[in-house]
Amino acid sequence: MARYTGPVCRLCRREGQKLYLKGDKCFTDKCPVTRRNYAPGQHGQGRKKLSNYGMQLREKQKVRRYYGISETQMRKYFGMAEKTVGITGENLLKILESRLDNVVYRLGLAASRPEARQLVTHGHFRVNGKKVDIPSYLISVGDTIEVKEGSKSSPRFKELQEGFQGNVVAWLQMDIENMLGKVVSEPSREDIDLPIQEHLIVELYSK
């Protein structure tokens, strides 16, 4: 299935909550979820109560949209999570958090995950000194993520640097002056602040 390229605010309205796909706009009164808090489409305001399967499906779709991944990728990550020691649902979220595009976003080097994905694809970052332009690249503890030298002076990165708030998650360190981040530990479930009920996804894929 091809990646969704339509209006991303429509995805938030479909899930009934903000997925923070538009960066700063999500925090303003212009956010469509704030203005029209119902599903898009002709019958959006007549939503029915979901079945157990419906709730599981919506939770899976919500996570896919948070991280911008395809169904094939989601199933691949779930398979990896099942084979890892620990709780499958938490393992899945840790893998998703370890994607390069998500780490770039968590470091404050992009305003949203879609923007982070675009910046990674355009080759603006180096991992451990080597150029990596694959958003799905999985980061490990000890890895460093740096804006490449030629990109540090670009207006967008200057803007991000000046607006940096310093609120980086506990498993990452960020040197905003040098635009250099480091993974200091694995993400824990407490570090993942998204409203996700991962057990529903496990139930869905375990059928």
N, C-alpha and C. Protein backbone atom coordinates (compact mmCIF):
# COMPACT_ATOMS: atom_id res chain seq x y z
N MET A 1 0.85 -1.20 0.00
CA MET A 1 0.00 0.00 0.00
C MET A 1 0.87 1.24 0.00
N ALA A 2 0.55 2.20 -0.86
CA ALA A 2 1.35 3.42 -0.96
C ALA A 2 1.16 4.29 0.28
N ARG A 3 2.17 5.12 0.55
CA ARG A 3 2.08 6.02 1.69
C ARG A 3 0.98 7.05 1.48
N TYR A 4 0.25 7.36 2.54
CA TYR A 4 -0.83 8.34 2.47
C TYR A 4 -0.26 9.73 2.18
N THR A 5 -0.81 10.42 1.19
CA THR A 5 -0.31 11.74 0.81
C THR A 5 -1.39 12.81 0.86
N GLY A 6 -2.56 12.46 1.42
CA GLY A 6 -3.65 13.43 1.51
C GLY A 6 -3.49 14.36 2.71
N PRO A 7 -4.54 15.12 3.03
CA PRO A 7 -4.49 16.05 4.17
C PRO A 7 -4.31 15.31 5.50
N VAL A 8 -3.21 15.57 6.20
CA VAL A 8 -2.93 14.81 7.42
C VAL A 8 -3.89 15.15 8.56
N CYS A 9 -4.46 16.35 8.54
CA CYS A 9 -5.41 16.71 9.60
C CYS A 9 -6.65 15.82 9.53
N ARG A 10 -6.93 15.31 8.35
CA ARG A 10 -8.05 14.39 8.18
C ARG A 10 -7.82 13.11 8.98
N LEU A 11 -6.56 12.69 9.09
CA LEU A 11 -6.23 11.49 9.85
C LEU A 11 -6.50 11.71 11.34
N CYS A 12 -6.14 12.90 11.83
CA CYS A 12 -6.40 13.21 13.23
C CYS A 12 -7.89 13.19 13.53
N ARG A 13 -8.66 13.77 12.64
CA ARG A 13 -10.12 13.79 12.84
C ARG A 13 -10.70 12.38 12.80
N ARG A 14 -10.12 11.53 11.95
CA ARG A 14 -10.62 10.14 11.86
C ARG A 14 -10.38 9.38 13.16
N GLU A 15 -9.25 9.69 13.82
CA GLU A 15 -8.93 9.01 15.08
C GLU A 15 -9.54 9.72 16.28
N GLY A 16 -10.09 10.92 16.07
CA GLY A 16 -10.76 11.63 17.15
C GLY A 16 -9.82 12.28 18.15
N GLN A 17 -8.56 12.45 17.78
CA GLN A 17 -7.60 13.11 18.67
C GLN A 17 -6.40 13.61 17.86
N LYS A 18 -5.63 14.50 18.46
CA LYS A 18 -4.48 15.06 17.77
C LYS A 18 -3.36 14.03 17.66
N LEU A 19 -2.82 13.90 16.45
CA LEU A 19 -1.68 13.02 16.21
C LEU A 19 -0.40 13.84 16.03
N TYR A 20 -0.53 15.16 16.09
CA TYR A 20 0.60 16.09 16.00
C TYR A 20 1.42 15.86 14.73
N LEU A 21 0.71 15.88 13.61
CA LEU A 21 1.35 15.66 12.31
C LEU A 21 1.67 16.95 11.58
N LYS A 22 1.21 18.10 12.12
CA LYS A 22 1.42 19.38 11.44
C LYS A 22 2.29 20.34 12.24
N GLY A 23 3.00 19.83 13.22
CA GLY A 23 3.91 20.68 13.97
C GLY A 23 3.19 21.75 14.79
N ASP A 24 3.62 22.99 14.64
CA ASP A 24 3.10 24.09 15.45
C ASP A 24 1.60 24.31 15.29
N LYS A 25 1.05 24.01 14.12
CA LYS A 25 -0.38 24.22 13.88
C LYS A 25 -1.23 23.42 14.86
N CYS A 26 -0.71 22.27 15.29
CA CYS A 26 -1.47 21.40 16.20
C CYS A 26 -1.71 22.05 17.56
N PHE A 27 -0.92 23.06 17.89
CA PHE A 27 -1.02 23.71 19.20
C PHE A 27 -1.79 25.04 19.13
N THR A 28 -2.43 25.31 17.99
CA THR A 28 -3.17 26.55 17.82
C THR A 28 -4.66 26.28 17.67
N ASP A 29 -5.46 27.35 17.66
CA ASP A 29 -6.90 27.22 17.48
C ASP A 29 -7.26 26.85 16.05
N LYS A 30 -6.29 26.87 15.14
CA LYS A 30 -6.55 26.51 13.74
C LYS A 30 -6.58 25.00 13.53
N CYS A 31 -6.22 24.25 14.55
CA CYS A 31 -6.21 22.78 14.44
C CYS A 31 -7.62 22.28 14.13
N PRO A 32 -7.81 21.54 13.02
CA PRO A 32 -9.14 21.04 12.66
C PRO A 32 -9.78 20.15 13.72
N VAL A 33 -8.98 19.44 14.53
CA VAL A 33 -9.55 18.60 15.58
C VAL A 33 -10.24 19.46 16.63
N THR A 34 -9.67 20.64 16.89
CA THR A 34 -10.27 21.56 17.85
C THR A 34 -11.55 22.17 17.28
N ARG A 35 -11.52 22.50 16.01
CA ARG A 35 -12.65 23.18 15.38
C ARG A 35 -13.78 22.23 14.98
N ARG A 36 -13.40 21.00 14.55
CA ARG A 36 -14.40 20.02 14.10
C ARG A 36 -14.04 18.65 14.68
N ASN A 37 -14.40 18.47 15.92
CA ASN A 37 -14.01 17.25 16.63
C ASN A 37 -14.96 16.09 16.33
N TYR A 38 -15.00 15.73 15.06
CA TYR A 38 -15.76 14.56 14.62
C TYR A 38 -15.10 14.03 13.35
N ALA A 39 -15.41 12.80 13.00
CA ALA A 39 -14.77 12.16 11.86
C ALA A 39 -15.10 12.88 10.56
N PRO A 40 -14.19 12.85 9.58
CA PRO A 40 -14.47 13.50 8.30
C PRO A 40 -15.49 12.71 7.49
N GLY A 41 -16.04 13.33 6.49
CA GLY A 41 -16.99 12.64 5.62
C GLY A 41 -18.44 12.97 5.94
N GLN A 42 -19.30 12.53 5.05
CA GLN A 42 -20.73 12.84 5.14
C GLN A 42 -21.36 12.32 6.43
N HIS A 43 -20.89 11.17 6.90
CA HIS A 43 -21.50 10.54 8.08
C HIS A 43 -20.60 10.65 9.31
N GLY A 44 -19.70 11.58 9.28
CA GLY A 44 -18.71 11.70 10.35
C GLY A 44 -19.30 11.98 11.72
N GLN A 45 -20.44 12.68 11.76
CA GLN A 45 -21.02 13.04 13.05
C GLN A 45 -21.96 11.97 13.58
N GLY A 46 -22.12 10.88 12.82
CA GLY A 46 -23.02 9.82 13.26
C GLY A 46 -22.26 8.55 13.59
N ARG A 47 -21.10 8.66 14.23
CA ARG A 47 -20.27 7.50 14.51
C ARG A 47 -20.96 6.57 15.52
N LYS A 48 -20.85 5.27 15.27
CA LYS A 48 -21.45 4.28 16.16
C LYS A 48 -20.41 3.75 17.15
N LYS A 49 -20.90 3.12 18.20
CA LYS A 49 -20.00 2.52 19.18
C LYS A 49 -19.20 1.40 18.53
N LEU A 50 -17.88 1.37 18.81
CA LEU A 50 -17.01 0.39 18.20
C LEU A 50 -17.08 -0.96 18.90
N SER A 51 -16.93 -2.02 18.12
CA SER A 51 -16.81 -3.37 18.67
C SER A 51 -15.39 -3.54 19.21
N ASN A 52 -15.12 -4.67 19.85
CA ASN A 52 -13.76 -4.94 20.34
C ASN A 52 -12.76 -4.92 19.19
N TYR A 53 -13.14 -5.56 18.08
CA TYR A 53 -12.26 -5.56 16.91
C TYR A 53 -12.06 -4.15 16.38
N GLY A 54 -13.14 -3.37 16.37
CA GLY A 54 -13.04 -1.99 15.89
C GLY A 54 -12.07 -1.17 16.74
N MET A 55 -12.10 -1.35 18.05
CA MET A 55 -11.19 -0.63 18.94
C MET A 55 -9.75 -1.05 18.70
N GLN A 56 -9.54 -2.35 18.50
CA GLN A 56 -8.19 -2.84 18.22
C GLN A 56 -7.67 -2.28 16.91
N LEU A 57 -8.53 -2.28 15.89
CA LEU A 57 -8.14 -1.77 14.58
C LEU A 57 -7.80 -0.28 14.64
N ARG A 58 -8.64 0.49 15.32
CA ARG A 58 -8.41 1.94 15.40
C ARG A 58 -7.11 2.23 16.16
N GLU A 59 -6.81 1.44 17.18
CA GLU A 59 -5.58 1.66 17.95
C GLU A 59 -4.36 1.38 17.07
N LYS A 60 -4.44 0.33 16.28
CA LYS A 60 -3.34 0.00 15.38
C LYS A 60 -3.17 1.09 14.32
N GLN A 61 -4.28 1.55 13.76
CA GLN A 61 -4.22 2.61 12.75
C GLN A 61 -3.67 3.91 13.34
N LYS A 62 -4.06 4.18 14.56
CA LYS A 62 -3.57 5.39 15.23
C LYS A 62 -2.06 5.36 15.38
N VAL A 63 -1.52 4.22 15.81
CA VAL A 63 -0.07 4.10 15.98
C VAL A 63 0.63 4.20 14.63
N ARG A 64 0.07 3.58 13.62
CA ARG A 64 0.66 3.69 12.27
C ARG A 64 0.74 5.15 11.83
N ARG A 65 -0.30 5.90 12.15
CA ARG A 65 -0.34 7.29 11.72
C ARG A 65 0.57 8.18 12.56
N TYR A 66 0.70 7.87 13.84
CA TYR A 66 1.65 8.59 14.68
C TYR A 66 3.04 8.53 14.07
N TYR A 67 3.46 7.32 13.71
CA TYR A 67 4.83 7.11 13.26
C TYR A 67 5.00 7.13 11.74
N GLY A 68 3.89 7.23 11.02
CA GLY A 68 3.96 7.33 9.57
C GLY A 68 4.49 6.09 8.89
N ILE A 69 4.01 4.92 9.31
CA ILE A 69 4.52 3.67 8.74
C ILE A 69 3.40 2.92 8.02
N SER A 70 3.81 2.02 7.13
CA SER A 70 2.85 1.21 6.38
C SER A 70 2.43 -0.01 7.19
N GLU A 71 1.41 -0.70 6.70
CA GLU A 71 0.96 -1.92 7.35
C GLU A 71 2.05 -2.99 7.32
N THR A 72 2.77 -3.07 6.20
CA THR A 72 3.86 -4.04 6.09
C THR A 72 4.94 -3.78 7.14
N GLN A 73 5.30 -2.52 7.31
CA GLN A 73 6.29 -2.17 8.34
C GLN A 73 5.78 -2.49 9.73
N MET A 74 4.50 -2.21 9.96
CA MET A 74 3.92 -2.45 11.28
C MET A 74 3.99 -3.94 11.63
N ARG A 75 3.65 -4.79 10.68
CA ARG A 75 3.69 -6.23 10.92
C ARG A 75 5.13 -6.70 11.13
N LYS A 76 6.06 -6.11 10.41
CA LYS A 76 7.48 -6.46 10.57
C LYS A 76 7.95 -6.11 11.98
N TYR A 77 7.60 -4.90 12.44
CA TYR A 77 8.00 -4.49 13.79
C TYR A 77 7.35 -5.35 14.85
N PHE A 78 6.09 -5.74 14.63
CA PHE A 78 5.41 -6.60 15.60
C PHE A 78 6.11 -7.95 15.69
N GLY A 79 6.54 -8.48 14.54
CA GLY A 79 7.27 -9.74 14.54
C GLY A 79 8.57 -9.63 15.30
N MET A 80 9.27 -8.50 15.15
CA MET A 80 10.50 -8.26 15.90
C MET A 80 10.21 -8.18 17.40
N ALA A 81 9.12 -7.51 17.74
CA ALA A 81 8.75 -7.33 19.15
C ALA A 81 8.42 -8.67 19.81
N GLU A 82 7.75 -9.56 19.05
CA GLU A 82 7.39 -10.88 19.59
C GLU A 82 8.62 -11.70 19.92
N LYS A 83 9.67 -11.54 19.13
CA LYS A 83 10.89 -12.34 19.30
C LYS A 83 11.84 -11.76 20.34
N THR A 84 11.52 -10.57 20.85
CA THR A 84 12.37 -9.91 21.83
C THR A 84 11.89 -10.24 23.24
N VAL A 85 12.82 -10.45 24.13
CA VAL A 85 12.46 -10.74 25.52
C VAL A 85 11.75 -9.54 26.14
N GLY A 86 10.66 -9.80 26.85
CA GLY A 86 9.92 -8.71 27.48
C GLY A 86 8.46 -8.72 27.06
N ILE A 87 7.77 -7.61 27.34
CA ILE A 87 6.36 -7.47 27.00
C ILE A 87 6.25 -7.03 25.54
N THR A 88 5.51 -7.79 24.74
CA THR A 88 5.46 -7.55 23.29
C THR A 88 5.01 -6.14 22.95
N GLY A 89 3.96 -5.66 23.59
CA GLY A 89 3.45 -4.32 23.29
C GLY A 89 4.47 -3.24 23.56
N GLU A 90 5.15 -3.34 24.70
CA GLU A 90 6.17 -2.34 25.04
C GLU A 90 7.37 -2.46 24.10
N ASN A 91 7.73 -3.68 23.74
CA ASN A 91 8.82 -3.88 22.79
C ASN A 91 8.51 -3.21 21.45
N LEU A 92 7.25 -3.33 21.03
CA LEU A 92 6.83 -2.71 19.76
C LEU A 92 7.02 -1.20 19.81
N LEU A 93 6.57 -0.58 20.90
CA LEU A 93 6.70 0.88 21.02
C LEU A 93 8.16 1.30 21.07
N LYS A 94 9.00 0.52 21.73
CA LYS A 94 10.43 0.85 21.81
C LYS A 94 11.07 0.81 20.42
N ILE A 95 10.67 -0.17 19.62
CA ILE A 95 11.20 -0.26 18.25
C ILE A 95 10.76 0.95 17.43
N LEU A 96 9.50 1.32 17.55
CA LEU A 96 8.98 2.47 16.81
C LEU A 96 9.68 3.76 17.24
N GLU A 97 9.92 3.89 18.53
CA GLU A 97 10.61 5.08 19.04
C GLU A 97 12.06 5.15 18.55
N SER A 98 12.64 4.00 18.21
CA SER A 98 14.04 3.95 17.81
C SER A 98 14.26 4.26 16.33
N ARG A 99 13.19 4.47 15.59
CA ARG A 99 13.34 4.87 14.18
C ARG A 99 14.05 6.21 14.10
N LEU A 100 14.90 6.37 13.09
CA LEU A 100 15.68 7.60 12.97
C LEU A 100 14.80 8.83 12.85
N ASP A 101 13.72 8.76 12.07
CA ASP A 101 12.87 9.95 11.92
C ASP A 101 12.24 10.35 13.25
N ASN A 102 11.85 9.35 14.06
CA ASN A 102 11.28 9.68 15.36
C ASN A 102 12.33 10.26 16.30
N VAL A 103 13.56 9.72 16.27
CA VAL A 103 14.63 10.23 17.13
C VAL A 103 14.95 11.68 16.77
N VAL A 104 15.00 11.97 15.47
CA VAL A 104 15.23 13.35 15.02
C VAL A 104 14.15 14.28 15.57
N TYR A 105 12.89 13.83 15.52
CA TYR A 105 11.79 14.62 16.07
C TYR A 105 11.92 14.78 17.58
N ARG A 106 12.25 13.71 18.27
CA ARG A 106 12.38 13.75 19.73
C ARG A 106 13.54 14.65 20.17
N LEU A 107 14.55 14.78 19.33
CA LEU A 107 15.69 15.63 19.65
C LEU A 107 15.39 17.12 19.43
N GLY A 108 14.24 17.41 18.82
CA GLY A 108 13.88 18.80 18.56
C GLY A 108 14.45 19.33 17.26
N LEU A 109 14.88 18.42 16.37
CA LEU A 109 15.46 18.83 15.10
C LEU A 109 14.44 18.83 13.98
N ALA A 110 13.17 18.71 14.34
CA ALA A 110 12.05 18.81 13.40
C ALA A 110 10.80 19.12 14.22
N ALA A 111 9.85 19.80 13.61
CA ALA A 111 8.64 20.20 14.33
C ALA A 111 7.60 19.08 14.39
N SER A 112 7.75 18.08 13.54
CA SER A 112 6.81 16.96 13.51
C SER A 112 7.51 15.74 12.94
N ARG A 113 6.93 14.59 13.10
CA ARG A 113 7.52 13.38 12.53
C ARG A 113 7.52 13.40 11.01
N PRO A 114 6.46 13.89 10.34
CA PRO A 114 6.53 13.99 8.88
C PRO A 114 7.67 14.90 8.41
N GLU A 115 7.89 16.02 9.11
CA GLU A 115 8.99 16.88 8.73
C GLU A 115 10.33 16.18 8.96
N ALA A 116 10.44 15.46 10.08
CA ALA A 116 11.67 14.71 10.37
C ALA A 116 11.94 13.69 9.28
N ARG A 117 10.90 12.99 8.83
CA ARG A 117 11.06 12.01 7.77
C ARG A 117 11.58 12.66 6.50
N GLN A 118 11.04 13.82 6.18
CA GLN A 118 11.47 14.53 4.98
C GLN A 118 12.92 14.99 5.09
N LEU A 119 13.30 15.52 6.24
CA LEU A 119 14.66 15.99 6.44
C LEU A 119 15.67 14.84 6.37
N VAL A 120 15.29 13.70 6.94
CA VAL A 120 16.16 12.51 6.88
C VAL A 120 16.32 12.06 5.43
N THR A 121 15.21 11.97 4.72
CA THR A 121 15.24 11.52 3.32
C THR A 121 16.11 12.43 2.46
N HIS A 122 16.13 13.71 2.78
CA HIS A 122 16.93 14.67 2.00
C HIS A 122 18.40 14.67 2.40
N GLY A 123 18.76 13.79 3.32
CA GLY A 123 20.16 13.60 3.64
C GLY A 123 20.80 14.64 4.53
N HIS A 124 20.03 15.22 5.46
CA HIS A 124 20.57 16.27 6.33
C HIS A 124 21.26 15.73 7.59
N PHE A 125 21.22 14.41 7.82
CA PHE A 125 21.74 13.88 9.08
C PHE A 125 22.83 12.83 8.89
N ARG A 126 23.68 12.75 9.92
CA ARG A 126 24.71 11.72 9.98
C ARG A 126 24.54 10.94 11.27
N VAL A 127 24.66 9.64 11.17
CA VAL A 127 24.60 8.77 12.34
C VAL A 127 25.99 8.17 12.53
N ASN A 128 26.57 8.44 13.69
CA ASN A 128 27.94 7.99 13.97
C ASN A 128 28.92 8.44 12.88
N GLY A 129 28.68 9.66 12.36
CA GLY A 129 29.58 10.23 11.37
C GLY A 129 29.29 9.85 9.93
N LYS A 130 28.33 8.95 9.71
CA LYS A 130 28.03 8.50 8.35
C LYS A 130 26.64 8.98 7.92
N LYS A 131 26.51 9.39 6.68
CA LYS A 131 25.22 9.87 6.17
C LYS A 131 24.21 8.73 6.15
N VAL A 132 23.03 8.98 6.71
CA VAL A 132 21.93 8.02 6.69
C VAL A 132 20.68 8.76 6.23
N ASP A 133 20.08 8.30 5.14
CA ASP A 133 18.88 8.96 4.61
C ASP A 133 17.68 8.01 4.58
N ILE A 134 17.68 7.06 5.50
CA ILE A 134 16.58 6.09 5.59
C ILE A 134 15.81 6.34 6.88
N PRO A 135 14.59 6.88 6.81
CA PRO A 135 13.81 7.21 8.02
C PRO A 135 13.59 6.03 8.96
N SER A 136 13.52 4.81 8.41
CA SER A 136 13.23 3.63 9.23
C SER A 136 14.48 3.04 9.88
N TYR A 137 15.63 3.64 9.65
CA TYR A 137 16.88 3.15 10.25
C TYR A 137 16.73 3.12 11.76
N LEU A 138 17.05 1.99 12.38
CA LEU A 138 16.87 1.84 13.83
C LEU A 138 18.13 2.24 14.59
N ILE A 139 17.94 3.17 15.50
CA ILE A 139 19.04 3.71 16.30
C ILE A 139 19.28 2.83 17.52
N SER A 140 20.55 2.70 17.94
CA SER A 140 20.92 1.91 19.10
C SER A 140 21.53 2.79 20.18
N VAL A 141 21.59 2.25 21.40
CA VAL A 141 22.22 2.98 22.51
C VAL A 141 23.68 3.28 22.17
N GLY A 142 24.08 4.53 22.39
CA GLY A 142 25.44 4.97 22.09
C GLY A 142 25.58 5.66 20.75
N ASP A 143 24.58 5.54 19.89
CA ASP A 143 24.64 6.20 18.58
C ASP A 143 24.54 7.71 18.73
N THR A 144 25.22 8.43 17.83
CA THR A 144 25.11 9.89 17.78
C THR A 144 24.41 10.29 16.49
N ILE A 145 23.57 11.30 16.59
CA ILE A 145 22.83 11.82 15.43
C ILE A 145 23.17 13.29 15.30
N GLU A 146 23.67 13.68 14.15
CA GLU A 146 24.15 15.05 13.97
C GLU A 146 23.66 15.63 12.66
N VAL A 147 23.31 16.91 12.68
CA VAL A 147 22.99 17.61 11.44
C VAL A 147 24.29 17.79 10.68
N LYS A 148 24.31 17.43 9.40
CA LYS A 148 25.55 17.51 8.65
C LYS A 148 26.01 18.97 8.53
N GLU A 149 27.28 19.16 8.41
CA GLU A 149 27.88 20.50 8.47
C GLU A 149 27.26 21.46 7.47
N GLY A 150 27.03 20.99 6.26
CA GLY A 150 26.50 21.87 5.22
C GLY A 150 25.06 22.31 5.45
N SER A 151 24.36 21.62 6.36
CA SER A 151 22.95 21.95 6.61
C SER A 151 22.74 22.82 7.83
N LYS A 152 23.75 22.92 8.70
CA LYS A 152 23.59 23.64 9.96
C LYS A 152 23.27 25.12 9.76
N SER A 153 23.72 25.69 8.66
CA SER A 153 23.50 27.12 8.42
C SER A 153 22.21 27.40 7.65
N SER A 154 21.43 26.35 7.33
CA SER A 154 20.19 26.56 6.58
C SER A 154 19.18 27.29 7.46
N PRO A 155 18.31 28.09 6.86
CA PRO A 155 17.31 28.85 7.64
C PRO A 155 16.44 27.97 8.52
N ARG A 156 16.05 26.78 8.03
CA ARG A 156 15.16 25.93 8.81
C ARG A 156 15.85 25.42 10.08
N PHE A 157 17.09 24.99 9.96
CA PHE A 157 17.78 24.49 11.15
C PHE A 157 18.15 25.62 12.10
N LYS A 158 18.40 26.80 11.57
CA LYS A 158 18.64 27.96 12.43
C LYS A 158 17.37 28.28 13.23
N GLU A 159 16.24 28.18 12.56
CA GLU A 159 14.95 28.45 13.22
C GLU A 159 14.69 27.43 14.32
N LEU A 160 14.96 26.15 14.04
CA LEU A 160 14.77 25.10 15.04
C LEU A 160 15.73 25.28 16.21
N GLN A 161 16.95 25.70 15.92
CA GLN A 161 17.95 25.92 16.96
C GLN A 161 17.54 27.06 17.89
N GLU A 162 17.05 28.14 17.30
CA GLU A 162 16.64 29.30 18.09
C GLU A 162 15.39 29.02 18.92
N GLY A 163 14.51 28.16 18.40
CA GLY A 163 13.27 27.86 19.11
C GLY A 163 13.35 26.65 20.01
N PHE A 164 14.55 26.10 20.18
CA PHE A 164 14.73 24.88 20.98
C PHE A 164 14.33 25.14 22.44
N GLN A 165 13.47 24.26 22.98
CA GLN A 165 12.95 24.42 24.34
C GLN A 165 13.71 23.60 25.38
N GLY A 166 14.53 22.67 24.94
CA GLY A 166 15.30 21.87 25.87
C GLY A 166 14.55 20.69 26.47
N ASN A 167 13.32 20.45 26.02
CA ASN A 167 12.51 19.37 26.60
C ASN A 167 12.70 18.07 25.82
N VAL A 168 13.90 17.50 25.93
CA VAL A 168 14.24 16.26 25.25
C VAL A 168 13.93 15.09 26.18
N VAL A 169 13.44 13.99 25.63
CA VAL A 169 13.09 12.82 26.45
C VAL A 169 14.33 12.28 27.16
N ALA A 170 14.10 11.55 28.27
CA ALA A 170 15.17 11.14 29.16
C ALA A 170 16.20 10.21 28.51
N TRP A 171 15.81 9.47 27.50
CA TRP A 171 16.74 8.50 26.89
C TRP A 171 17.63 9.12 25.81
N LEU A 172 17.47 10.43 25.61
CA LEU A 172 18.29 11.13 24.62
C LEU A 172 18.99 12.32 25.27
N GLN A 173 20.14 12.69 24.71
CA GLN A 173 20.84 13.92 25.10
C GLN A 173 20.99 14.77 23.86
N MET A 174 20.89 16.11 24.03
CA MET A 174 20.97 16.99 22.89
C MET A 174 21.88 18.17 23.16
N ASP A 175 22.87 18.36 22.30
CA ASP A 175 23.74 19.53 22.31
C ASP A 175 23.27 20.41 21.16
N ILE A 176 22.35 21.34 21.48
CA ILE A 176 21.71 22.13 20.42
C ILE A 176 22.69 23.08 19.75
N GLU A 177 23.71 23.52 20.49
CA GLU A 177 24.68 24.44 19.90
C GLU A 177 25.42 23.79 18.73
N ASN A 178 25.76 22.52 18.91
CA ASN A 178 26.46 21.79 17.85
C ASN A 178 25.52 20.91 17.04
N MET A 179 24.21 20.95 17.38
CA MET A 179 23.19 20.15 16.70
C MET A 179 23.60 18.68 16.67
N LEU A 180 23.94 18.19 17.85
CA LEU A 180 24.41 16.81 18.01
C LEU A 180 23.63 16.13 19.13
N GLY A 181 23.00 15.03 18.81
CA GLY A 181 22.25 14.26 19.79
C GLY A 181 22.86 12.90 20.02
N LYS A 182 22.55 12.30 21.17
CA LYS A 182 23.09 10.98 21.50
C LYS A 182 22.02 10.15 22.19
N VAL A 183 22.00 8.86 21.87
CA VAL A 183 21.09 7.93 22.52
C VAL A 183 21.80 7.37 23.74
N VAL A 184 21.32 7.70 24.94
CA VAL A 184 22.02 7.31 26.17
C VAL A 184 21.43 6.05 26.81
N SER A 185 20.21 5.67 26.41
CA SER A 185 19.59 4.46 26.93
C SER A 185 18.44 4.06 26.03
N GLU A 186 17.88 2.89 26.26
CA GLU A 186 16.70 2.48 25.52
C GLU A 186 15.48 3.25 26.05
N PRO A 187 14.53 3.55 25.19
CA PRO A 187 13.32 4.22 25.70
C PRO A 187 12.52 3.28 26.59
N SER A 188 12.02 3.78 27.70
CA SER A 188 11.16 2.97 28.56
C SER A 188 9.70 3.32 28.26
N ARG A 189 8.79 2.52 28.73
CA ARG A 189 7.36 2.78 28.47
C ARG A 189 6.96 4.13 29.06
N GLU A 190 7.55 4.52 30.18
CA GLU A 190 7.22 5.80 30.82
C GLU A 190 7.68 6.99 29.97
N ASP A 191 8.67 6.77 29.12
CA ASP A 191 9.19 7.85 28.28
C ASP A 191 8.31 8.13 27.07
N ILE A 192 7.43 7.18 26.75
CA ILE A 192 6.60 7.31 25.55
C ILE A 192 5.28 7.95 25.94
N ASP A 193 5.13 9.23 25.64
CA ASP A 193 4.02 10.02 26.15
C ASP A 193 2.78 9.99 25.26
N LEU A 194 2.74 9.11 24.28
CA LEU A 194 1.59 9.05 23.39
C LEU A 194 0.46 8.24 24.02
N PRO A 195 -0.79 8.64 23.83
CA PRO A 195 -1.93 7.91 24.41
C PRO A 195 -2.22 6.64 23.63
N ILE A 196 -1.42 5.62 23.88
CA ILE A 196 -1.52 4.36 23.13
C ILE A 196 -1.84 3.22 24.09
N GLN A 197 -2.79 2.38 23.70
CA GLN A 197 -3.09 1.15 24.44
C GLN A 197 -2.53 -0.02 23.62
N GLU A 198 -1.24 -0.26 23.82
CA GLU A 198 -0.55 -1.23 22.97
C GLU A 198 -1.09 -2.65 23.09
N HIS A 199 -1.74 -2.96 24.22
CA HIS A 199 -2.27 -4.32 24.37
C HIS A 199 -3.35 -4.62 23.33
N LEU A 200 -4.05 -3.58 22.87
CA LEU A 200 -5.08 -3.78 21.84
C LEU A 200 -4.45 -4.20 20.52
N ILE A 201 -3.27 -3.66 20.23
CA ILE A 201 -2.57 -4.02 18.99
C ILE A 201 -2.08 -5.46 19.08
N VAL A 202 -1.58 -5.83 20.25
CA VAL A 202 -1.12 -7.21 20.46
C VAL A 202 -2.29 -8.18 20.28
N GLU A 203 -3.44 -7.83 20.82
CA GLU A 203 -4.64 -8.68 20.68
C GLU A 203 -5.03 -8.81 19.23
N LEU A 204 -4.94 -7.72 18.47
CA LEU A 204 -5.34 -7.73 17.06
C LEU A 204 -4.44 -8.65 16.25
N TYR A 205 -3.14 -8.51 16.42
CA TYR A 205 -2.21 -9.30 15.62
C TYR A 205 -2.06 -10.73 16.11
N SER A 206 -2.53 -11.01 17.31
CA SER A 206 -2.39 -12.36 17.87
C SER A 206 -3.57 -13.26 17.49
N LYS A 207 -4.54 -12.75 16.76
CA LYS A 207 -5.71 -13.54 16.40
C LYS A 207 -5.36 -14.59 15.34
